[in-house]
Structures are given as C-alpha cells and as structure tokens.
C-alpha cells in the first residue's frame, strides 16, 4: 500500500509547513510559480511501514527536470550528507526548470546502519528496479522511484559511494547506449563537466523487456539522460568526498542549464581519464582477505593483488589480476564471501 503526503515550504517562510492533499510528482511539477515542496511517500507491506522522502524545487523559468538521488544504499554517507547540504543551499530563484531530490532513498538502511539491504525485507534496493507496487517495501520503493521520479525526469543522477566494506576511487559513470546516441553524448558531457577525474562508461546490452536492476540503468532504459556519481568509502563521512560530490552536482546543474547564479567555480580541472571497460574479480571462497593495495592503485596483468586465508590463517587463494588497469573499488575489510566482487578494475580499450 502506497500513500502520498505532501508538505509545502513557502518562499517567504521556509520553515513553515502546511499539509496538502495527496499529490503525484507530476501534479506538483505542473503547479505555477517557483516553490519548494517536501513530499513523503508512505509505504506499507506486511504491517511494516517506511517512507520515501522527496523534495521538489521549481524555478520561475522553464528548463529541464533534473533529479538527484542519494541513499539507495543507506550506509553510503558522503552522498547523503552532500545532498543534505545541497537542500540547504539551493533556492528556487536559482533554478531554471525543476529539481527532484530524494535525500535518502533507503531510510530504514540509513537509520539502522545496515549495509546494502533494507532491514525490513533484506532486499537490496540497488538491484530491485523497476520494482513492484504489490511487493515488499524495497520493491515498492523501487516502483515509486521508477514511476513517480524517473518517468518525470529529463536528467537522472544517482549518487553512490563505497558502502561499509568498500574502498572506492571517486568516479562518474554512465551507460553507453548506442541506439540513444544523443542521450549518451549528453551523459558523457555532464560526466566530463562534473570535474571528477575518472569517467567510466558501461556497456549497455538490455532489451526492452529485460529487468534494469539499477536505478540509473532503469532511467537509461526509459530513454532518459542518466548517470551516477561514486564517491566515498568504507561507511564513513569524508569531508573531501562530500565537497567533491557537491562540486560535481553544481557543475552538472550549471552545464544542463538548470542552475543560475553559481556559488563558486572550479579554477582548474584535471584532465578527464575515460575508462570504458571493467574487469570484475569475484571472491572464490569464504575467508579472510589480505591486500596492500587500495582504490586508485594501478595494476598490471598477472599481478598478485592479495590473497585469502581460512580461519586458521592457511593461505587458500592468491588473487591475480587478468587486466592492466586501475582499481575502481575493492573490498576494504578482512571478511569476504564467495561470489562477492573483490576488485573492480577499470581500463580503456
């Protein structure tokens, strides 16, 4: 069961709230004038309730609908804190078009400090798209984002980071959809303009009937300009990554024509490094992982990246790279489980 409750923040008194009758995101976007509205989608399944918070900021002038999502994984803190700061800083008078902002998509994961999954149903929201209106809480949240948020977006930005166990190099990424060349070109342009040094493009092979799994892949499948920022690691808040995310978002908003009266500009940007291929190394067996390497390190083909022992300290496996490239992310904590992604190595071909 899904219910929508809306709250309006008046421009004259930003701290005053007034209850509105239930409205869809589409209905709110049609309203005239510039405003900010905070809306709560209530979700209930098997007597367990949660909610999806959404903020809509509409400017006076026409423009794109730029969507920003954080907290699909509630243990990825730098994206969540960056978006909290953006909510405080961005005013309707500085917007052309509209912003749709989901500050924390997986509230239960965030509040309960649960890596990867929603503790209410033990499902991973990041692999639940397009979701279902009749499923569990995670299924319903994915369905809401798919139908209420993505379908009303011109540009869709999903912000992630390294969860509790992940050591991650900041990068921005998009899907290289060959049959939607203009969207792919714009996603690449926004990625480059973000100011983040590493840009990753993923192959796109989905058919129209395939499950998208990921939020920004669902947006790509719907024919919307979509991309994702990855910044932050190991389940902590790093101020430098919060700043990097905010700067990247402001750069994208400015480049898309959504944001005016820019607060600050980047004086100098490092040359962009494009990585269009990925090699995923999976954990061969449960155990304890040892490695001196970290995200951002360059590796060579046939290089030993680390090793796995059993609980008695006996070495069971050397982990060997099959690729020359750079570590985008890796497991950064000792315990590892069979089938998990141990390393993702990016390279250009």
Protein backbone atom coordinates (compact mmCIF):
# COMPACT_ATOMS: atom_id res chain seq x y z
CA UNK A 1 0.00 0.00 0.00
CA UNK A 2 1.41 3.39 -1.01
CA UNK A 3 0.21 6.78 0.25
CA UNK A 4 1.48 10.24 -0.62
CA UNK A 5 1.58 13.05 1.91
CA UNK A 6 2.79 16.48 0.85
CA UNK A 7 4.18 19.46 2.69
CA UNK A 8 4.76 22.93 1.26
CA UNK A 9 7.58 25.22 2.26
CA UNK A 10 6.51 28.79 1.46
CA UNK A 11 9.15 31.01 -0.10
CA UNK A 12 8.51 33.76 2.42
CA UNK A 13 8.78 31.45 5.44
CA UNK A 14 10.92 28.45 4.55
CA UNK A 15 10.46 26.89 7.96
CA UNK A 16 6.65 26.83 7.93
CA UNK A 17 4.87 23.68 6.79
CA UNK A 18 1.28 23.17 5.66
CA UNK A 19 -0.38 19.87 4.80
CA UNK A 20 -1.63 19.39 1.25
CA UNK A 21 -3.94 16.80 -0.20
CA UNK A 22 -2.17 13.80 -1.71
CA UNK A 23 -0.48 14.66 -5.00
CA UNK A 24 1.72 12.90 -7.51
CA UNK A 25 5.07 14.32 -8.51
CA UNK A 26 3.65 15.08 -11.94
CA UNK A 27 0.83 17.14 -10.41
CA UNK A 28 3.27 19.10 -8.25
CA UNK A 29 5.52 19.85 -11.24
CA UNK A 30 2.50 21.31 -13.09
CA UNK A 31 1.86 23.91 -10.40
CA UNK A 32 2.66 27.51 -11.31
CA UNK A 33 5.24 29.73 -9.73
CA UNK A 34 8.53 28.99 -8.02
CA UNK A 35 8.47 26.96 -4.83
CA UNK A 36 9.94 24.16 -2.77
CA UNK A 37 7.78 21.25 -1.62
CA UNK A 38 8.74 18.34 0.60
CA UNK A 39 6.71 15.20 -0.05
CA UNK A 40 6.59 11.87 1.75
CA UNK A 41 5.53 8.63 0.07
CA UNK A 42 4.35 6.21 2.73
CA UNK A 43 4.99 2.53 2.02
CA UNK A 44 3.44 -0.40 3.88
CA UNK A 45 3.80 -4.16 3.44
CA UNK A 46 3.06 -6.95 5.93
CA UNK A 47 2.27 -4.38 8.64
CA UNK A 48 5.76 -2.89 8.32
CA UNK A 49 5.87 0.75 7.25
CA UNK A 50 8.54 3.01 5.83
CA UNK A 51 8.61 6.04 3.55
CA UNK A 52 10.36 7.75 0.67
CA UNK A 53 11.19 11.46 1.19
CA UNK A 54 11.14 13.66 -1.93
CA UNK A 55 11.84 17.37 -2.36
CA UNK A 56 10.72 19.29 -5.45
CA UNK A 57 12.26 22.69 -6.17
CA UNK A 58 10.71 24.58 -9.09
CA UNK A 59 12.13 27.75 -10.60
CA UNK A 60 10.37 30.61 -12.37
CA UNK A 61 11.80 29.88 -15.82
CA UNK A 62 11.33 26.79 -17.95
CA UNK A 63 14.06 24.20 -18.07
CA UNK A 64 14.87 20.51 -17.55
CA UNK A 65 13.70 18.35 -14.67
CA UNK A 66 16.96 17.33 -13.03
CA UNK A 67 16.65 14.50 -10.50
CA UNK A 68 19.20 13.80 -7.76
CA UNK A 69 19.02 10.61 -5.68
CA UNK A 70 21.14 9.68 -2.66
CA UNK A 71 20.96 6.86 -0.15
CA UNK A 72 19.80 3.94 -2.27
CA UNK A 73 22.35 2.30 0.00
CA UNK A 74 21.81 3.88 3.41
CA UNK A 75 25.36 3.18 4.64
CA UNK A 76 26.92 5.33 1.89
CA UNK A 77 27.23 8.53 3.87
CA UNK A 78 29.11 11.12 1.75
CA UNK A 79 26.35 11.21 -0.94
CA UNK A 80 23.66 11.57 1.74
CA UNK A 81 25.46 14.36 3.59
CA UNK A 82 26.30 16.15 0.32
CA UNK A 83 22.63 16.15 -0.68
CA UNK A 84 21.61 17.35 2.79
CA UNK A 85 23.88 20.35 2.27
CA UNK A 86 22.54 20.94 -1.24
CA UNK A 87 19.00 21.02 0.15
CA UNK A 88 20.04 23.85 2.46
CA UNK A 89 21.86 25.81 -0.25
CA UNK A 90 19.69 25.62 -3.39
CA UNK A 91 16.86 28.13 -3.65
CA UNK A 92 14.04 28.17 -6.22
CA UNK A 93 15.13 31.58 -7.57
CA UNK A 94 18.41 29.99 -8.73
CA UNK A 95 16.70 27.22 -10.71
CA UNK A 96 15.56 27.07 -14.34
CA UNK A 97 13.14 24.16 -14.66
CA UNK A 98 12.85 21.87 -11.64
CA UNK A 99 14.85 19.71 -9.28
CA UNK A 100 13.54 16.45 -7.87
CA UNK A 101 15.67 15.39 -4.91
CA UNK A 102 15.48 12.14 -2.97
CA UNK A 103 17.74 12.85 0.03
CA UNK A 104 17.65 9.29 1.41
CA UNK A 105 16.05 6.60 -0.75
CA UNK A 106 16.58 3.77 1.74
CA UNK A 107 15.57 5.34 5.05
CA UNK A 108 15.50 2.07 7.00
CA UNK A 109 19.00 1.10 5.90
CA UNK A 110 20.22 4.56 6.89
CA UNK A 111 18.56 4.65 10.31
CA UNK A 112 19.51 1.08 11.23
CA UNK A 113 23.05 1.43 9.81
CA UNK A 114 22.52 -1.61 7.59
CA UNK A 115 24.94 -2.11 4.67
CA UNK A 116 23.48 -2.85 1.23
CA UNK A 117 19.99 -4.08 2.20
CA UNK A 118 16.74 -2.78 3.66
CA UNK A 119 16.45 -4.42 7.10
CA UNK A 120 12.66 -4.69 6.73
CA UNK A 121 12.83 -7.24 3.91
CA UNK A 122 16.58 -7.95 3.46
CA UNK A 123 16.44 -6.80 -0.17
CA UNK A 124 18.97 -4.62 -1.99
CA UNK A 125 17.22 -1.56 -3.43
CA UNK A 126 20.09 -1.13 -5.88
CA UNK A 127 19.08 -4.35 -7.68
CA UNK A 128 15.28 -4.05 -7.33
CA UNK A 129 14.33 -1.87 -10.31
CA UNK A 130 11.77 -1.39 -11.83
CA UNK A 131 10.17 -2.76 -8.65
CA UNK A 132 6.56 -3.71 -7.97
CA UNK A 133 3.56 -1.92 -6.43
CA UNK A 134 2.49 -5.16 -4.75
CA UNK A 135 5.86 -6.35 -3.45
CA UNK A 136 7.81 -5.83 -0.26
CA UNK A 137 8.92 -2.42 0.99
CA UNK A 138 12.02 -2.40 -1.23
CA UNK A 139 10.02 -3.47 -4.29
CA UNK A 140 7.52 -0.67 -3.66
CA UNK A 141 10.21 1.97 -3.19
CA UNK A 142 11.82 0.92 -6.48
CA UNK A 143 8.39 1.07 -8.14
CA UNK A 144 7.80 4.57 -6.77
CA UNK A 145 11.17 5.84 -7.98
CA UNK A 146 10.60 4.22 -11.38
CA UNK A 147 7.11 5.60 -11.94
CA UNK A 148 6.96 8.80 -9.89
CA UNK A 149 10.53 10.04 -10.21
CA UNK A 150 12.37 8.61 -13.21
CA UNK A 151 9.41 8.92 -15.59
CA UNK A 152 9.12 12.65 -14.80
CA UNK A 153 12.86 13.37 -15.19
CA UNK A 154 14.84 14.90 -18.03
CA UNK A 155 18.18 14.08 -16.38
CA UNK A 156 18.59 11.45 -13.67
CA UNK A 157 21.61 11.42 -11.33
CA UNK A 158 22.05 8.56 -8.84
CA UNK A 159 24.77 9.25 -6.25
CA UNK A 160 26.53 6.33 -4.55
CA UNK A 161 29.72 5.69 -2.61
CA UNK A 162 31.63 2.86 -1.00
CA UNK A 163 29.41 1.01 1.46
CA UNK A 164 30.66 -0.31 4.82
CA UNK A 165 33.17 -2.72 3.29
CA UNK A 166 34.10 -0.95 0.05
CA UNK A 167 37.25 1.05 -0.68
CA UNK A 168 36.35 3.17 -3.70
CA UNK A 169 38.01 5.62 -6.09
CA UNK A 170 35.72 8.58 -6.93
CA UNK A 171 34.35 8.38 -10.46
CA UNK A 172 31.30 9.32 -12.50
CA UNK A 173 29.69 6.81 -14.85
CA UNK A 174 27.01 6.27 -17.48
CA UNK A 175 25.78 3.57 -19.88
CA UNK A 176 26.98 3.67 -23.48
CA UNK A 177 23.61 3.12 -25.16
CA UNK A 178 24.37 3.02 -28.89
CA UNK A 179 20.73 3.37 -30.02
CA UNK A 180 20.27 6.57 -27.98
CA UNK A 181 23.36 8.43 -29.13
CA UNK A 182 22.23 11.93 -28.13
CA UNK A 183 21.44 10.86 -24.56
CA UNK A 184 24.76 9.03 -24.29
CA UNK A 185 26.58 12.08 -25.63
CA UNK A 186 24.91 14.33 -23.05
CA UNK A 187 25.63 11.87 -20.23
CA UNK A 188 29.29 11.86 -21.28
CA UNK A 189 29.32 15.67 -21.44
CA UNK A 190 27.84 16.00 -17.96
CA UNK A 191 30.33 13.43 -16.66
CA UNK A 192 33.29 15.34 -18.10
CA UNK A 193 31.93 18.70 -16.89
CA UNK A 194 31.47 17.31 -13.37
CA UNK A 195 35.14 17.89 -12.63
CA UNK A 196 35.65 14.33 -11.41
CA UNK A 197 38.86 12.96 -12.88
CA UNK A 198 37.72 9.44 -13.73
CA UNK A 199 34.80 8.85 -16.10
CA UNK A 200 33.57 5.27 -16.57
CA UNK A 201 31.27 4.09 -19.35
CA UNK A 202 29.47 0.78 -19.02
CA UNK A 203 28.27 -1.33 -21.94
CA UNK A 204 24.50 -1.30 -22.45
CA UNK A 205 23.01 -4.57 -23.66
CA UNK A 206 19.48 -4.54 -22.21
CA UNK A 207 16.44 -5.41 -24.26
CA UNK A 208 13.19 -3.51 -23.63
CA UNK A 209 11.80 -6.49 -21.68
CA UNK A 210 14.90 -7.06 -19.50
CA UNK A 211 14.97 -6.10 -15.82
CA UNK A 212 17.11 -3.00 -15.34
CA UNK A 213 18.09 -3.76 -11.69
CA UNK A 214 19.83 -0.40 -11.11
CA UNK A 215 18.11 2.99 -10.81
CA UNK A 216 20.17 4.87 -13.39
CA UNK A 217 20.08 1.85 -15.71
CA UNK A 218 16.27 1.94 -15.45
CA UNK A 219 16.41 5.63 -16.40
CA UNK A 220 18.68 4.78 -19.35
CA UNK A 221 16.24 2.07 -20.38
CA UNK A 222 13.38 4.60 -20.27
CA UNK A 223 15.28 6.85 -22.69
CA UNK A 224 16.30 9.45 -20.11
CA UNK A 225 19.75 11.04 -19.78
CA UNK A 226 21.19 9.14 -16.81
CA UNK A 227 24.44 8.91 -14.91
CA UNK A 228 25.85 8.12 -11.48
CA UNK A 229 28.49 9.59 -9.19
CA UNK A 230 30.51 7.20 -6.99
CA UNK A 231 32.40 8.90 -4.14
CA UNK A 232 33.11 7.99 -0.53
CA UNK A 233 34.18 4.73 1.05
CA UNK A 234 34.11 2.33 3.97
CA UNK A 235 30.92 3.62 5.58
CA UNK A 236 32.31 6.91 6.91
CA UNK A 237 31.81 10.58 6.11
CA UNK A 238 34.84 12.11 4.38
CA UNK A 239 34.62 15.90 4.01
CA UNK A 240 36.70 15.87 0.83
CA UNK A 241 34.26 13.45 -0.83
CA UNK A 242 31.25 15.47 0.33
CA UNK A 243 32.84 18.55 -1.24
CA UNK A 244 33.71 16.63 -4.43
CA UNK A 245 30.11 15.42 -4.82
CA UNK A 246 28.65 18.89 -4.26
CA UNK A 247 31.05 20.49 -6.72
CA UNK A 248 30.23 17.83 -9.32
CA UNK A 249 26.48 18.32 -8.86
CA UNK A 250 26.76 22.11 -9.18
CA UNK A 251 28.88 21.68 -12.32
CA UNK A 252 26.26 19.35 -13.84
CA UNK A 253 23.38 21.63 -12.90
CA UNK A 254 25.14 24.62 -14.45
CA UNK A 255 26.05 22.70 -17.63
CA UNK A 256 22.48 21.47 -18.07
CA UNK A 257 21.09 24.99 -17.76
CA UNK A 258 19.31 24.15 -14.51
CA UNK A 259 21.32 26.32 -12.13
CA UNK A 260 21.97 30.08 -12.31
CA UNK A 261 23.95 32.42 -10.03
CA UNK A 262 26.70 29.86 -9.47
CA UNK A 263 28.10 29.94 -5.95
CA UNK A 264 31.67 29.09 -6.94
CA UNK A 265 33.59 27.81 -9.92
CA UNK A 266 36.36 25.27 -10.21
CA UNK A 267 39.52 27.17 -11.14
CA UNK A 268 41.35 24.24 -12.65
CA UNK A 269 40.20 20.77 -13.63
CA UNK A 270 42.39 17.73 -14.06
CA UNK A 271 42.28 16.08 -17.50
CA UNK A 272 39.50 13.50 -17.68
CA UNK A 273 40.51 9.85 -17.80
CA UNK A 274 37.93 7.69 -19.61
CA UNK A 275 37.66 4.01 -18.69
CA UNK A 276 35.29 2.09 -20.95
CA UNK A 277 35.93 -1.49 -19.78
CA UNK A 278 35.68 -3.22 -16.40
CA UNK A 279 37.12 -6.48 -15.07
CA UNK A 280 35.32 -7.88 -12.03
CA UNK A 281 37.26 -10.28 -9.81
CA UNK A 282 34.95 -12.39 -7.64
CA UNK A 283 35.71 -13.98 -4.27
CA UNK A 284 36.48 -17.68 -4.92
CA UNK A 285 35.86 -18.91 -1.36
CA UNK A 286 34.77 -17.60 2.05
CA UNK A 287 37.71 -16.45 4.12
CA UNK A 288 39.90 -13.59 5.30
CA UNK A 289 41.25 -11.19 2.68
CA UNK A 290 44.70 -9.59 2.72
CA UNK A 291 45.93 -6.93 0.31
CA UNK A 292 48.28 -3.96 0.47
CA UNK A 293 46.55 -2.32 -2.49
CA UNK A 294 43.91 0.39 -2.34
CA UNK A 295 41.42 2.01 -4.70
CA UNK A 296 43.16 4.19 -7.29
CA UNK A 297 46.23 1.96 -7.48
CA UNK A 298 47.35 0.90 -10.94
CA UNK A 299 47.79 -2.82 -11.51
CA UNK A 300 49.21 -4.99 -14.28
CA UNK A 301 48.01 -8.21 -15.86
CA UNK A 302 49.10 -11.31 -13.88
CA UNK A 303 49.95 -9.19 -10.83
CA UNK A 304 49.13 -10.77 -7.45
CA UNK A 305 46.64 -8.39 -5.82
CA UNK A 306 46.30 -10.16 -2.48
CA UNK A 307 45.34 -13.48 -1.00
CA UNK A 308 42.63 -15.25 1.01
CA UNK A 309 43.18 -17.47 4.04
CA UNK A 310 40.90 -19.74 6.03
CA UNK A 311 40.02 -19.06 9.68
CA UNK A 312 43.27 -20.74 10.80
CA UNK A 313 45.46 -18.47 8.69
CA UNK A 314 46.21 -21.03 5.96
CA UNK A 315 46.51 -19.44 2.53
CA UNK A 316 43.80 -20.74 0.20
CA UNK A 317 43.96 -18.49 -2.87
CA UNK A 318 46.19 -15.88 -4.47
CA UNK A 319 44.13 -13.19 -6.19
CA UNK A 320 45.62 -12.45 -9.62
CA UNK A 321 44.71 -9.63 -11.99
CA UNK A 322 43.72 -10.59 -15.51
CA UNK A 323 43.92 -6.97 -16.66
CA UNK A 324 46.18 -3.94 -16.70
CA UNK A 325 44.21 -1.01 -15.32
CA UNK A 326 43.23 0.95 -12.20
CA UNK A 327 41.36 -0.28 -9.12
CA UNK A 328 37.96 1.46 -9.12
CA UNK A 329 36.85 -0.30 -5.96
CA UNK A 330 37.72 -3.29 -3.82
CA UNK A 331 36.75 -4.99 -0.58
CA UNK A 332 38.48 -2.94 2.08
CA UNK A 333 37.74 -5.11 5.13
CA UNK A 334 39.01 -8.61 6.02
CA UNK A 335 35.91 -10.85 5.73
CA UNK A 336 34.97 -11.97 2.21
CA UNK A 337 32.22 -14.26 0.94
CA UNK A 338 32.16 -16.44 -2.14
CA UNK A 339 30.78 -14.68 -5.21
CA UNK A 340 31.21 -11.10 -3.95
CA UNK A 341 33.04 -8.56 -6.09
CA UNK A 342 36.55 -8.47 -4.64
CA UNK A 343 38.01 -5.99 -7.16
CA UNK A 344 36.63 -3.91 -10.00
CA UNK A 345 39.45 -2.88 -12.31
CA UNK A 346 38.76 -0.24 -14.91
CA UNK A 347 40.67 0.13 -18.15
CA UNK A 348 40.33 1.64 -21.61
CA UNK A 349 40.07 -0.35 -24.81
